[in-house]
């Protein structure tokens, strides 16, 4: 067991439990053969698991009184939006080119922009306010694709419908629903932090 790679995080809706948790856990021999040596596992406040940063506020991220600055879901949404924005600006020359067909532009948005914003999207599903950073990036891409730039007033959902693209709310909701369906079918529940999201 590589103790330098280990850490533990406490997920509890009760703030007092988080305060009482020890800063490290001492681990001794687990059997008479002394296969696993003694060591210490430190407490961590956040860590990256399967490409997604999670922290101690994960169980309470959906509470209305959770501060935005400390919200795991909103932080992850901003990370995804930044990834999408980078891809969007890389594809900008094609999206604003009037000679590029609209169908090709829609496929570029779907393939290069939206796909960058879907990793770990299960964390955000069913929360419209948390999907807003992603929706802004997608809205910008759609406006560029049809030649409407700047402050042009246009309904984003209608525009996406015309381009044959789903909204980010629909994509996030589908991802979280798929997670819930997988958790229901899995005997004993999911063994990762995703099990918390499927409740």
Protein backbone atom coordinates (compact mmCIF):
# COMPACT_ATOMS: atom_id res chain seq x y z
CA UNK A 1 0.00 0.00 0.00
CA UNK A 2 1.57 3.31 -1.07
CA UNK A 3 0.61 5.60 1.77
CA UNK A 4 2.03 8.63 -0.04
CA UNK A 5 -0.68 8.13 -2.69
CA UNK A 6 -3.52 7.71 -0.19
CA UNK A 7 -5.81 10.16 1.46
CA UNK A 8 -9.28 10.20 2.94
CA UNK A 9 -12.10 12.69 2.58
CA UNK A 10 -15.14 13.05 4.83
CA UNK A 11 -18.55 13.44 3.26
CA UNK A 12 -21.09 14.41 5.88
CA UNK A 13 -23.98 16.87 5.76
CA UNK A 14 -23.22 17.74 9.39
CA UNK A 15 -20.50 20.39 9.67
CA UNK A 16 -19.65 19.28 13.22
CA UNK A 17 -18.64 15.84 11.92
CA UNK A 18 -16.14 17.48 9.58
CA UNK A 19 -14.60 19.46 12.44
CA UNK A 20 -14.16 16.35 14.64
CA UNK A 21 -12.53 14.21 11.96
CA UNK A 22 -8.85 13.46 12.61
CA UNK A 23 -6.23 14.94 10.30
CA UNK A 24 -4.80 11.48 9.64
CA UNK A 25 -5.70 7.84 10.15
CA UNK A 26 -3.13 5.42 11.54
CA UNK A 27 -3.20 2.07 9.76
CA UNK A 28 -1.59 -1.04 11.27
CA UNK A 29 -1.15 -4.62 10.14
CA UNK A 30 -4.38 -6.03 8.81
CA UNK A 31 -3.52 -9.71 9.32
CA UNK A 32 -1.11 -12.03 11.09
CA UNK A 33 0.99 -12.42 7.94
CA UNK A 34 1.75 -8.69 8.03
CA UNK A 35 1.03 -8.26 4.34
CA UNK A 36 0.11 -4.58 4.63
CA UNK A 37 2.53 -2.46 6.70
CA UNK A 38 1.70 0.22 9.22
CA UNK A 39 1.34 3.78 7.99
CA UNK A 40 -0.63 7.00 8.15
CA UNK A 41 -3.29 8.17 5.70
CA UNK A 42 -3.79 11.98 5.75
CA UNK A 43 -7.11 13.75 5.48
CA UNK A 44 -7.59 15.75 2.29
CA UNK A 45 -10.12 18.52 1.66
CA UNK A 46 -10.41 17.82 -2.08
CA UNK A 47 -9.01 15.44 -4.66
CA UNK A 48 -9.25 14.61 -8.33
CA UNK A 49 -11.02 11.35 -9.11
CA UNK A 50 -11.54 10.20 -12.69
CA UNK A 51 -10.74 13.71 -13.89
CA UNK A 52 -13.28 15.46 -11.64
CA UNK A 53 -12.34 17.55 -8.60
CA UNK A 54 -14.49 16.66 -5.59
CA UNK A 55 -14.36 18.13 -2.09
CA UNK A 56 -16.06 17.87 1.27
CA UNK A 57 -19.05 19.94 0.11
CA UNK A 58 -20.18 17.27 -2.39
CA UNK A 59 -23.18 16.01 -0.33
CA UNK A 60 -24.43 19.56 0.27
CA UNK A 61 -23.70 21.03 -3.19
CA UNK A 62 -27.43 21.01 -4.03
CA UNK A 63 -28.51 22.85 -0.89
CA UNK A 64 -29.81 26.36 -1.51
CA UNK A 65 -27.68 27.83 1.30
CA UNK A 66 -24.36 26.44 0.00
CA UNK A 67 -22.11 29.40 -0.96
CA UNK A 68 -21.29 29.53 -4.66
CA UNK A 69 -17.58 29.83 -3.95
CA UNK A 70 -17.62 26.53 -2.03
CA UNK A 71 -19.87 24.63 -4.42
CA UNK A 72 -18.35 21.49 -5.95
CA UNK A 73 -20.82 21.33 -8.83
CA UNK A 74 -20.49 24.96 -9.87
CA UNK A 75 -16.70 24.77 -9.70
CA UNK A 76 -16.73 21.73 -11.97
CA UNK A 77 -19.13 23.49 -14.37
CA UNK A 78 -16.69 26.41 -14.67
CA UNK A 79 -13.81 24.04 -15.40
CA UNK A 80 -15.86 22.37 -18.16
CA UNK A 81 -16.91 25.74 -19.55
CA UNK A 82 -13.27 26.83 -19.78
CA UNK A 83 -12.42 23.66 -21.71
CA UNK A 84 -15.32 24.28 -24.06
CA UNK A 85 -14.33 27.93 -24.51
CA UNK A 86 -10.79 26.94 -25.51
CA UNK A 87 -12.15 24.52 -28.10
CA UNK A 88 -14.63 27.16 -29.28
CA UNK A 89 -11.94 29.74 -29.96
CA UNK A 90 -9.79 27.13 -31.70
CA UNK A 91 -12.73 26.46 -34.05
CA UNK A 92 -13.71 30.13 -34.43
CA UNK A 93 -12.24 30.61 -37.94
CA UNK A 94 -14.51 27.87 -39.28
CA UNK A 95 -17.58 28.92 -37.28
CA UNK A 96 -17.50 32.51 -38.52
CA UNK A 97 -16.62 31.63 -42.12
CA UNK A 98 -19.68 32.49 -44.26
CA UNK A 99 -18.62 29.93 -46.88
CA UNK A 100 -18.63 27.04 -44.40
CA UNK A 101 -21.97 25.12 -44.54
CA UNK A 102 -24.25 25.42 -41.50
CA UNK A 103 -24.50 21.61 -41.19
CA UNK A 104 -20.72 21.36 -40.96
CA UNK A 105 -20.65 24.11 -38.33
CA UNK A 106 -23.25 22.24 -36.25
CA UNK A 107 -21.13 19.09 -36.43
CA UNK A 108 -18.04 21.07 -35.41
CA UNK A 109 -19.89 22.42 -32.36
CA UNK A 110 -21.16 18.97 -31.42
CA UNK A 111 -17.83 17.21 -31.94
CA UNK A 112 -15.25 19.72 -30.77
CA UNK A 113 -17.01 22.07 -28.36
CA UNK A 114 -19.82 20.14 -26.68
CA UNK A 115 -17.74 16.98 -26.23
CA UNK A 116 -15.17 18.96 -24.20
CA UNK A 117 -17.92 20.02 -21.79
CA UNK A 118 -19.43 16.60 -21.06
CA UNK A 119 -16.75 14.87 -18.95
CA UNK A 120 -18.16 14.43 -15.47
CA UNK A 121 -21.41 16.15 -16.41
CA UNK A 122 -23.35 13.72 -14.18
CA UNK A 123 -22.29 15.95 -11.30
CA UNK A 124 -24.29 18.90 -12.63
CA UNK A 125 -27.52 17.37 -13.99
CA UNK A 126 -30.94 18.75 -12.95
CA UNK A 127 -29.47 22.09 -11.83
CA UNK A 128 -30.13 24.83 -14.36
CA UNK A 129 -28.06 27.41 -12.46
CA UNK A 130 -25.01 25.13 -12.48
CA UNK A 131 -25.28 24.49 -16.22
CA UNK A 132 -25.33 28.22 -17.10
CA UNK A 133 -21.55 28.56 -17.68
CA UNK A 134 -21.75 25.73 -20.23
CA UNK A 135 -24.88 27.14 -21.86
CA UNK A 136 -23.15 30.49 -22.43
CA UNK A 137 -20.30 28.82 -24.32
CA UNK A 138 -22.74 26.78 -26.42
CA UNK A 139 -24.85 29.87 -27.11
CA UNK A 140 -21.81 31.78 -28.35
CA UNK A 141 -20.89 28.90 -30.65
CA UNK A 142 -24.41 28.77 -32.09
CA UNK A 143 -24.53 32.54 -32.71
CA UNK A 144 -21.17 32.44 -34.48
CA UNK A 145 -22.37 29.53 -36.62
CA UNK A 146 -25.33 31.49 -37.99
CA UNK A 147 -23.44 34.76 -38.32
CA UNK A 148 -24.97 36.59 -35.34
CA UNK A 149 -22.19 38.11 -33.24
CA UNK A 150 -21.99 40.74 -30.56
CA UNK A 151 -25.12 41.66 -28.62
CA UNK A 152 -27.63 40.40 -31.19
CA UNK A 153 -30.83 39.34 -29.42
CA UNK A 154 -31.75 35.80 -30.35
CA UNK A 155 -33.39 32.94 -28.46
CA UNK A 156 -30.63 30.43 -27.76
CA UNK A 157 -32.90 27.39 -27.48
CA UNK A 158 -34.61 28.13 -30.79
CA UNK A 159 -31.22 28.62 -32.42
CA UNK A 160 -29.93 25.29 -31.07
CA UNK A 161 -33.11 23.58 -32.24
CA UNK A 162 -32.59 24.96 -35.73
CA UNK A 163 -29.00 23.69 -35.70
CA UNK A 164 -30.12 20.26 -34.49
CA UNK A 165 -28.16 20.56 -31.23
CA UNK A 166 -29.37 19.75 -27.70
CA UNK A 167 -29.09 22.32 -24.92
CA UNK A 168 -26.50 21.72 -22.21
CA UNK A 169 -29.37 21.29 -19.73
CA UNK A 170 -30.64 18.35 -21.79
CA UNK A 171 -27.17 16.82 -22.05
CA UNK A 172 -26.53 17.18 -18.29
CA UNK A 173 -29.96 15.78 -17.40
CA UNK A 174 -29.42 12.79 -19.67
CA UNK A 175 -26.00 12.12 -18.11
CA UNK A 176 -27.36 12.18 -14.55
CA UNK A 177 -30.36 10.05 -15.51
CA UNK A 178 -28.01 7.52 -17.10
CA UNK A 179 -25.97 7.47 -13.87
CA UNK A 180 -29.12 6.87 -11.79
CA UNK A 181 -30.21 4.03 -14.09
CA UNK A 182 -26.78 2.42 -13.83
CA UNK A 183 -26.82 2.70 -10.04
CA UNK A 184 -30.25 1.07 -9.84
CA UNK A 185 -29.11 -1.87 -11.96
CA UNK A 186 -25.83 -2.37 -10.04
CA UNK A 187 -26.08 -4.88 -7.21
CA UNK A 188 -24.93 -3.29 -3.94
CA UNK A 189 -24.75 0.18 -5.45
CA UNK A 190 -21.85 2.01 -7.04
CA UNK A 191 -18.58 1.77 -5.11
CA UNK A 192 -17.29 5.24 -6.10
CA UNK A 193 -18.37 8.75 -5.11
CA UNK A 194 -20.87 8.56 -7.99
CA UNK A 195 -23.04 6.52 -5.64
CA UNK A 196 -23.65 9.73 -3.67
CA UNK A 197 -24.99 11.42 -6.79
CA UNK A 198 -27.35 8.56 -7.62
CA UNK A 199 -29.29 8.83 -4.35
